[in-house]
Amino acid sequence: AVIAGAGALAASSALAQTQAQTTAQTTAAPVP
């Protein structure tokens, strides 16, 4: 994304952060 430009970097970072949060929530959720 850095190569593509600052705007693409911001969008990619936001997506990565969202994915990381989702992964963390999924990992933290107890398995019944």
Full PDB file with SEQRES, HELIX, SHEET, SSBOND, CRYST1, ORIGX, SCALE, CONECT and MASTER records, all heavy atoms in Angstrom:
SEQRES   1 A   32  ALA VAL ILE ALA GLY ALA GLY ALA LEU ALA ALA SER SER          
SEQRES   2 A   32  ALA LEU ALA GLN THR GLN ALA GLN THR THR ALA GLN THR          
SEQRES   3 A   32  THR ALA ALA PRO VAL PRO                                      
HELIX    1 AA1 ALA A    6  ALA A   28  1                                  23    
CRYST1    1.000    1.000    1.000  90.00  90.00  90.00 P 1           1          
ORIGX1      1.000000  0.000000  0.000000        0.00000                         
ORIGX2      0.000000  1.000000  0.000000        0.00000                         
ORIGX3      0.000000  0.000000  1.000000        0.00000                         
SCALE1      1.000000  0.000000  0.000000        0.00000                         
SCALE2      0.000000  1.000000  0.000000        0.00000                         
SCALE3      0.000000  0.000000  1.000000        0.00000                         
ATOM      1  N   ALA A   1       0.817  -1.200   0.000  1.00  0.00           N  
ATOM      2  CA  ALA A   1       0.000   0.000   0.000  1.00  0.00           C  
ATOM      3  C   ALA A   1       0.857   1.259   0.000  1.00  0.00           C  
ATOM      4  O   ALA A   1       0.474   2.288  -0.541  1.00  0.00           O  
ATOM      5  CB  ALA A   1      -0.926   0.001   1.217  1.00  0.00           C  
ATOM      6  N   VAL A   2       2.046   1.229   0.634  1.00  0.00           N  
ATOM      7  CA  VAL A   2       2.962   2.385   0.641  1.00  0.00           C  
ATOM      8  C   VAL A   2       3.345   2.745  -0.772  1.00  0.00           C  
ATOM      9  O   VAL A   2       3.408   3.919  -1.154  1.00  0.00           O  
ATOM     10  CB  VAL A   2       4.221   2.067   1.473  1.00  0.00           C  
ATOM     11  CG1 VAL A   2       5.277   3.145   1.303  1.00  0.00           C  
ATOM     12  CG2 VAL A   2       3.834   1.926   2.937  1.00  0.00           C  
ATOM     13  N   ILE A   3       3.608   1.746  -1.586  1.00  0.00           N  
ATOM     14  CA  ILE A   3       3.998   1.978  -2.978  1.00  0.00           C  
ATOM     15  C   ILE A   3       2.838   2.624  -3.739  1.00  0.00           C  
ATOM     16  O   ILE A   3       3.026   3.498  -4.555  1.00  0.00           O  
ATOM     17  CB  ILE A   3       4.398   0.651  -3.644  1.00  0.00           C  
ATOM     18  CG1 ILE A   3       5.614   0.075  -2.905  1.00  0.00           C  
ATOM     19  CG2 ILE A   3       4.724   0.866  -5.117  1.00  0.00           C  
ATOM     20  CD1 ILE A   3       5.992  -1.309  -3.388  1.00  0.00           C  
ATOM     21  N   ALA A   4       1.646   2.196  -3.465  1.00  0.00           N  
ATOM     22  CA  ALA A   4       0.480   2.701  -4.186  1.00  0.00           C  
ATOM     23  C   ALA A   4       0.123   4.117  -3.772  1.00  0.00           C  
ATOM     24  O   ALA A   4      -0.506   4.831  -4.540  1.00  0.00           O  
ATOM     25  CB  ALA A   4      -0.711   1.781  -3.944  1.00  0.00           C  
ATOM     26  N   GLY A   5       0.490   4.557  -2.563  1.00  0.00           N  
ATOM     27  CA  GLY A   5       0.181   5.929  -2.153  1.00  0.00           C  
ATOM     28  C   GLY A   5      -0.365   5.982  -0.744  1.00  0.00           C  
ATOM     29  O   GLY A   5      -0.806   4.994  -0.181  1.00  0.00           O  
ATOM     30  N   ALA A   6      -0.333   7.176  -0.200  1.00  0.00           N  
ATOM     31  CA  ALA A   6      -0.736   7.372   1.192  1.00  0.00           C  
ATOM     32  C   ALA A   6      -2.203   7.030   1.409  1.00  0.00           C  
ATOM     33  O   ALA A   6      -2.568   6.463   2.432  1.00  0.00           O  
ATOM     34  CB  ALA A   6      -0.469   8.816   1.610  1.00  0.00           C  
ATOM     35  N   GLY A   7      -3.054   7.367   0.414  1.00  0.00           N  
ATOM     36  CA  GLY A   7      -4.479   7.090   0.572  1.00  0.00           C  
ATOM     37  C   GLY A   7      -4.747   5.601   0.644  1.00  0.00           C  
ATOM     38  O   GLY A   7      -5.519   5.129   1.480  1.00  0.00           O  
ATOM     39  N   ALA A   8      -4.074   4.841  -0.229  1.00  0.00           N  
ATOM     40  CA  ALA A   8      -4.241   3.387  -0.221  1.00  0.00           C  
ATOM     41  C   ALA A   8      -3.707   2.807   1.080  1.00  0.00           C  
ATOM     42  O   ALA A   8      -4.260   1.858   1.625  1.00  0.00           O  
ATOM     43  CB  ALA A   8      -3.519   2.769  -1.413  1.00  0.00           C  
ATOM     44  N   LEU A   9      -2.616   3.398   1.611  1.00  0.00           N  
ATOM     45  CA  LEU A   9      -2.036   2.923   2.872  1.00  0.00           C  
ATOM     46  C   LEU A   9      -3.041   3.080   4.007  1.00  0.00           C  
ATOM     47  O   LEU A   9      -3.214   2.178   4.826  1.00  0.00           O  
ATOM     48  CB  LEU A   9      -0.752   3.713   3.175  1.00  0.00           C  
ATOM     49  CG  LEU A   9      -0.118   3.427   4.556  1.00  0.00           C  
ATOM     50  CD1 LEU A   9       0.243   1.955   4.687  1.00  0.00           C  
ATOM     51  CD2 LEU A   9       1.096   4.315   4.767  1.00  0.00           C  
ATOM     52  N   ALA A  10      -3.707   4.219   4.069  1.00  0.00           N  
ATOM     53  CA  ALA A  10      -4.667   4.471   5.146  1.00  0.00           C  
ATOM     54  C   ALA A  10      -5.802   3.455   5.088  1.00  0.00           C  
ATOM     55  O   ALA A  10      -6.226   2.900   6.101  1.00  0.00           O  
ATOM     56  CB  ALA A  10      -5.211   5.887   5.040  1.00  0.00           C  
ATOM     57  N   ALA A  11      -6.298   3.215   3.879  1.00  0.00           N  
ATOM     58  CA  ALA A  11      -7.407   2.269   3.719  1.00  0.00           C  
ATOM     59  C   ALA A  11      -6.973   0.866   4.103  1.00  0.00           C  
ATOM     60  O   ALA A  11      -7.702   0.126   4.777  1.00  0.00           O  
ATOM     61  CB  ALA A  11      -7.904   2.291   2.268  1.00  0.00           C  
ATOM     62  N   SER A  12      -5.762   0.499   3.670  1.00  0.00           N  
ATOM     63  CA  SER A  12      -5.257  -0.839   3.972  1.00  0.00           C  
ATOM     64  C   SER A  12      -5.041  -1.020   5.463  1.00  0.00           C  
ATOM     65  O   SER A  12      -5.327  -2.058   6.030  1.00  0.00           O  
ATOM     66  CB  SER A  12      -3.952  -1.078   3.214  1.00  0.00           C  
ATOM     67  OG  SER A  12      -3.437  -2.348   3.520  1.00  0.00           O  
ATOM     68  N   SER A  13      -4.515   0.033   6.126  1.00  0.00           N  
ATOM     69  CA  SER A  13      -4.270  -0.051   7.560  1.00  0.00           C  
ATOM     70  C   SER A  13      -5.569  -0.222   8.327  1.00  0.00           C  
ATOM     71  O   SER A  13      -5.658  -0.981   9.294  1.00  0.00           O  
ATOM     72  CB  SER A  13      -3.541   1.204   8.043  1.00  0.00           C  
ATOM     73  OG  SER A  13      -2.286   1.307   7.420  1.00  0.00           O  
ATOM     74  N   ALA A  14      -6.594   0.506   7.883  1.00  0.00           N  
ATOM     75  CA  ALA A  14      -7.895   0.393   8.543  1.00  0.00           C  
ATOM     76  C   ALA A  14      -8.453  -1.011   8.396  1.00  0.00           C  
ATOM     77  O   ALA A  14      -9.018  -1.596   9.331  1.00  0.00           O  
ATOM     78  CB  ALA A  14      -8.871   1.414   7.948  1.00  0.00           C  
ATOM     79  N   LEU A  15      -8.305  -1.567   7.176  1.00  0.00           N  
ATOM     80  CA  LEU A  15      -8.785  -2.929   6.933  1.00  0.00           C  
ATOM     81  C   LEU A  15      -8.024  -3.926   7.783  1.00  0.00           C  
ATOM     82  O   LEU A  15      -8.606  -4.821   8.392  1.00  0.00           O  
ATOM     83  CB  LEU A  15      -8.618  -3.270   5.440  1.00  0.00           C  
ATOM     84  CG  LEU A  15      -9.002  -4.705   5.038  1.00  0.00           C  
ATOM     85  CD1 LEU A  15     -10.465  -4.977   5.368  1.00  0.00           C  
ATOM     86  CD2 LEU A  15      -8.714  -4.939   3.570  1.00  0.00           C  
ATOM     87  N   ALA A  16      -6.685  -3.749   7.848  1.00  0.00           N  
ATOM     88  CA  ALA A  16      -5.866  -4.661   8.647  1.00  0.00           C  
ATOM     89  C   ALA A  16      -6.248  -4.599  10.119  1.00  0.00           C  
ATOM     90  O   ALA A  16      -6.302  -5.609  10.811  1.00  0.00           O  
ATOM     91  CB  ALA A  16      -4.382  -4.324   8.459  1.00  0.00           C  
ATOM     92  N   GLN A  17      -6.524  -3.366  10.599  1.00  0.00           N  
ATOM     93  CA  GLN A  17      -6.903  -3.204  11.997  1.00  0.00           C  
ATOM     94  C   GLN A  17      -8.232  -3.897  12.281  1.00  0.00           C  
ATOM     95  O   GLN A  17      -8.398  -4.565  13.303  1.00  0.00           O  
ATOM     96  CB  GLN A  17      -6.996  -1.717  12.338  1.00  0.00           C  
ATOM     97  CG  GLN A  17      -7.316  -1.456  13.822  1.00  0.00           C  
ATOM     98  CD  GLN A  17      -7.327   0.017  14.143  1.00  0.00           C  
ATOM     99  OE1 GLN A  17      -7.189   0.857  13.257  1.00  0.00           O  
ATOM    100  NE2 GLN A  17      -7.491   0.344  15.411  1.00  0.00           N  
ATOM    101  N   THR A  18      -9.182  -3.738  11.337  1.00  0.00           N  
ATOM    102  CA  THR A  18     -10.486  -4.381  11.504  1.00  0.00           C  
ATOM    103  C   THR A  18     -10.345  -5.900  11.532  1.00  0.00           C  
ATOM    104  O   THR A  18     -10.953  -6.591  12.359  1.00  0.00           O  
ATOM    105  CB  THR A  18     -11.437  -3.988  10.356  1.00  0.00           C  
ATOM    106  OG1 THR A  18     -11.602  -2.575  10.383  1.00  0.00           O  
ATOM    107  CG2 THR A  18     -12.813  -4.662  10.531  1.00  0.00           C  
ATOM    108  N   GLN A  19      -9.513  -6.427  10.612  1.00  0.00           N  
ATOM    109  CA  GLN A  19      -9.286  -7.864  10.563  1.00  0.00           C  
ATOM    110  C   GLN A  19      -8.619  -8.359  11.843  1.00  0.00           C  
ATOM    111  O   GLN A  19      -8.958  -9.417  12.377  1.00  0.00           O  
ATOM    112  CB  GLN A  19      -8.414  -8.219   9.356  1.00  0.00           C  
ATOM    113  CG  GLN A  19      -9.135  -8.026   8.017  1.00  0.00           C  
ATOM    114  CD  GLN A  19      -8.207  -8.257   6.840  1.00  0.00           C  
ATOM    115  OE1 GLN A  19      -6.995  -8.081   6.956  1.00  0.00           O  
ATOM    116  NE2 GLN A  19      -8.784  -8.652   5.719  1.00  0.00           N  
ATOM    117  N   ALA A  20      -7.670  -7.589  12.370  1.00  0.00           N  
ATOM    118  CA  ALA A  20      -6.967  -7.973  13.598  1.00  0.00           C  
ATOM    119  C   ALA A  20      -7.931  -8.015  14.777  1.00  0.00           C  
ATOM    120  O   ALA A  20      -7.882  -8.919  15.616  1.00  0.00           O  
ATOM    121  CB  ALA A  20      -5.833  -6.989  13.879  1.00  0.00           C  
ATOM    122  N   GLN A  21      -8.840  -6.995  14.826  1.00  0.00           N  
ATOM    123  CA  GLN A  21      -9.815  -6.962  15.909  1.00  0.00           C  
ATOM    124  C   GLN A  21     -10.754  -8.159  15.834  1.00  0.00           C  
ATOM    125  O   GLN A  21     -11.093  -8.773  16.834  1.00  0.00           O  
ATOM    126  CB  GLN A  21     -10.608  -5.649  15.855  1.00  0.00           C  
ATOM    127  CG  GLN A  21      -9.783  -4.424  16.233  1.00  0.00           C  
ATOM    128  CD  GLN A  21     -10.540  -3.131  16.009  1.00  0.00           C  
ATOM    129  OE1 GLN A  21     -11.550  -3.109  15.304  1.00  0.00           O  
ATOM    130  NE2 GLN A  21     -10.049  -2.050  16.603  1.00  0.00           N  
ATOM    131  N   THR A  22     -11.182  -8.459  14.586  1.00  0.00           N  
ATOM    132  CA  THR A  22     -12.080  -9.601  14.396  1.00  0.00           C  
ATOM    133  C   THR A  22     -11.409 -10.896  14.812  1.00  0.00           C  
ATOM    134  O   THR A  22     -11.994 -11.745  15.489  1.00  0.00           O  
ATOM    135  CB  THR A  22     -12.514  -9.708  12.917  1.00  0.00           C  
ATOM    136  OG1 THR A  22     -13.166  -8.499  12.547  1.00  0.00           O  
ATOM    137  CG2 THR A  22     -13.462 -10.893  12.711  1.00  0.00           C  
ATOM    138  N   THR A  23     -10.122 -11.045  14.419  1.00  0.00           N  
ATOM    139  CA  THR A  23      -9.369 -12.239  14.786  1.00  0.00           C  
ATOM    140  C   THR A  23      -9.224 -12.353  16.295  1.00  0.00           C  
ATOM    141  O   THR A  23      -9.389 -13.423  16.880  1.00  0.00           O  
ATOM    142  CB  THR A  23      -7.977 -12.215  14.136  1.00  0.00           C  
ATOM    143  OG1 THR A  23      -8.130 -12.155  12.717  1.00  0.00           O  
ATOM    144  CG2 THR A  23      -7.180 -13.465  14.508  1.00  0.00           C  
ATOM    145  N   ALA A  24      -8.922 -11.203  16.949  1.00  0.00           N  
ATOM    146  CA  ALA A  24      -8.759 -11.207  18.400  1.00  0.00           C  
ATOM    147  C   ALA A  24     -10.052 -11.585  19.094  1.00  0.00           C  
ATOM    148  O   ALA A  24     -10.068 -12.354  20.050  1.00  0.00           O  
ATOM    149  CB  ALA A  24      -8.296  -9.828  18.874  1.00  0.00           C  
ATOM    150  N   GLN A  25     -11.194 -11.037  18.582  1.00  0.00           N  
ATOM    151  CA  GLN A  25     -12.485 -11.351  19.175  1.00  0.00           C  
ATOM    152  C   GLN A  25     -12.813 -12.829  19.013  1.00  0.00           C  
ATOM    153  O   GLN A  25     -13.316 -13.476  19.924  1.00  0.00           O  
ATOM    154  CB  GLN A  25     -13.573 -10.487  18.538  1.00  0.00           C  
ATOM    155  CG  GLN A  25     -13.457  -9.006  18.921  1.00  0.00           C  
ATOM    156  CD  GLN A  25     -14.391  -8.131  18.102  1.00  0.00           C  
ATOM    157  OE1 GLN A  25     -15.068  -8.615  17.192  1.00  0.00           O  
ATOM    158  NE2 GLN A  25     -14.419  -6.850  18.416  1.00  0.00           N  
ATOM    159  N   THR A  26     -12.488 -13.351  17.807  1.00  0.00           N  
ATOM    160  CA  THR A  26     -12.774 -14.757  17.546  1.00  0.00           C  
ATOM    161  C   THR A  26     -11.928 -15.657  18.439  1.00  0.00           C  
ATOM    162  O   THR A  26     -12.390 -16.640  18.996  1.00  0.00           O  
ATOM    163  CB  THR A  26     -12.486 -15.100  16.068  1.00  0.00           C  
ATOM    164  OG1 THR A  26     -13.290 -14.261  15.248  1.00  0.00           O  
ATOM    165  CG2 THR A  26     -12.800 -16.553  15.784  1.00  0.00           C  
ATOM    166  N   THR A  27     -10.647 -15.274  18.607  1.00  0.00           N  
ATOM    167  CA  THR A  27      -9.744 -16.064  19.434  1.00  0.00           C  
ATOM    168  C   THR A  27     -10.145 -16.016  20.905  1.00  0.00           C  
ATOM    169  O   THR A  27     -10.082 -17.012  21.618  1.00  0.00           O  
ATOM    170  CB  THR A  27      -8.298 -15.541  19.283  1.00  0.00           C  
ATOM    171  OG1 THR A  27      -7.935 -15.583  17.903  1.00  0.00           O  
ATOM    172  CG2 THR A  27      -7.330 -16.377  20.098  1.00  0.00           C  
ATOM    173  N   ALA A  28     -10.593 -14.819  21.335  1.00  0.00           N  
ATOM    174  CA  ALA A  28     -10.926 -14.647  22.744  1.00  0.00           C  
ATOM    175  C   ALA A  28     -12.257 -15.303  23.116  1.00  0.00           C  
ATOM    176  O   ALA A  28     -12.487 -15.606  24.274  1.00  0.00           O  
ATOM    177  CB  ALA A  28     -10.967 -13.165  23.087  1.00  0.00           C  
ATOM    178  N   ALA A  29     -13.141 -15.489  22.114  1.00  0.00           N  
ATOM    179  CA  ALA A  29     -14.465 -16.040  22.411  1.00  0.00           C  
ATOM    180  C   ALA A  29     -14.334 -17.472  22.921  1.00  0.00           C  
ATOM    181  O   ALA A  29     -13.666 -18.297  22.298  1.00  0.00           O  
ATOM    182  CB  ALA A  29     -15.330 -16.014  21.157  1.00  0.00           C  
ATOM    183  N   PRO A  30     -14.928 -17.787  24.069  1.00  0.00           N  
ATOM    184  CA  PRO A  30     -14.840 -19.158  24.595  1.00  0.00           C  
ATOM    185  C   PRO A  30     -15.588 -20.145  23.722  1.00  0.00           C  
ATOM    186  O   PRO A  30     -16.652 -19.836  23.186  1.00  0.00           O  
ATOM    187  CB  PRO A  30     -15.500 -19.037  25.979  1.00  0.00           C  
ATOM    188  CG  PRO A  30     -16.419 -17.858  25.853  1.00  0.00           C  
ATOM    189  CD  PRO A  30     -15.732 -16.904  24.911  1.00  0.00           C  
ATOM    190  N   VAL A  31     -15.009 -21.311  23.562  1.00  0.00           N  
ATOM    191  CA  VAL A  31     -15.657 -22.361  22.774  1.00  0.00           C  
ATOM    192  C   VAL A  31     -16.605 -23.125  23.699  1.00  0.00           C  
ATOM    193  O   VAL A  31     -16.174 -23.675  24.721  1.00  0.00           O  
ATOM    194  CB  VAL A  31     -14.610 -23.342  22.191  1.00  0.00           C  
ATOM    195  CG1 VAL A  31     -15.301 -24.456  21.420  1.00  0.00           C  
ATOM    196  CG2 VAL A  31     -13.637 -22.583  21.302  1.00  0.00           C  
ATOM    197  N   PRO A  32     -17.904 -23.111  23.389  1.00  0.00           N  
ATOM    198  CA  PRO A  32     -18.850 -23.797  24.278  1.00  0.00           C  
ATOM    199  C   PRO A  32     -18.587 -25.297  24.331  1.00  0.00           C  
ATOM    200  O   PRO A  32     -18.306 -25.935  23.316  1.00  0.00           O  
ATOM    201  CB  PRO A  32     -20.226 -23.505  23.632  1.00  0.00           C  
ATOM    202  CG  PRO A  32     -19.911 -23.175  22.198  1.00  0.00           C  
ATOM    203  CD  PRO A  32     -18.565 -22.523  22.217  1.00  0.00           C  
TER     204      PRO A  32                                                      
MASTER        0    0    0    1    0    0    0    6  203    1    0    3          
END                                                                             
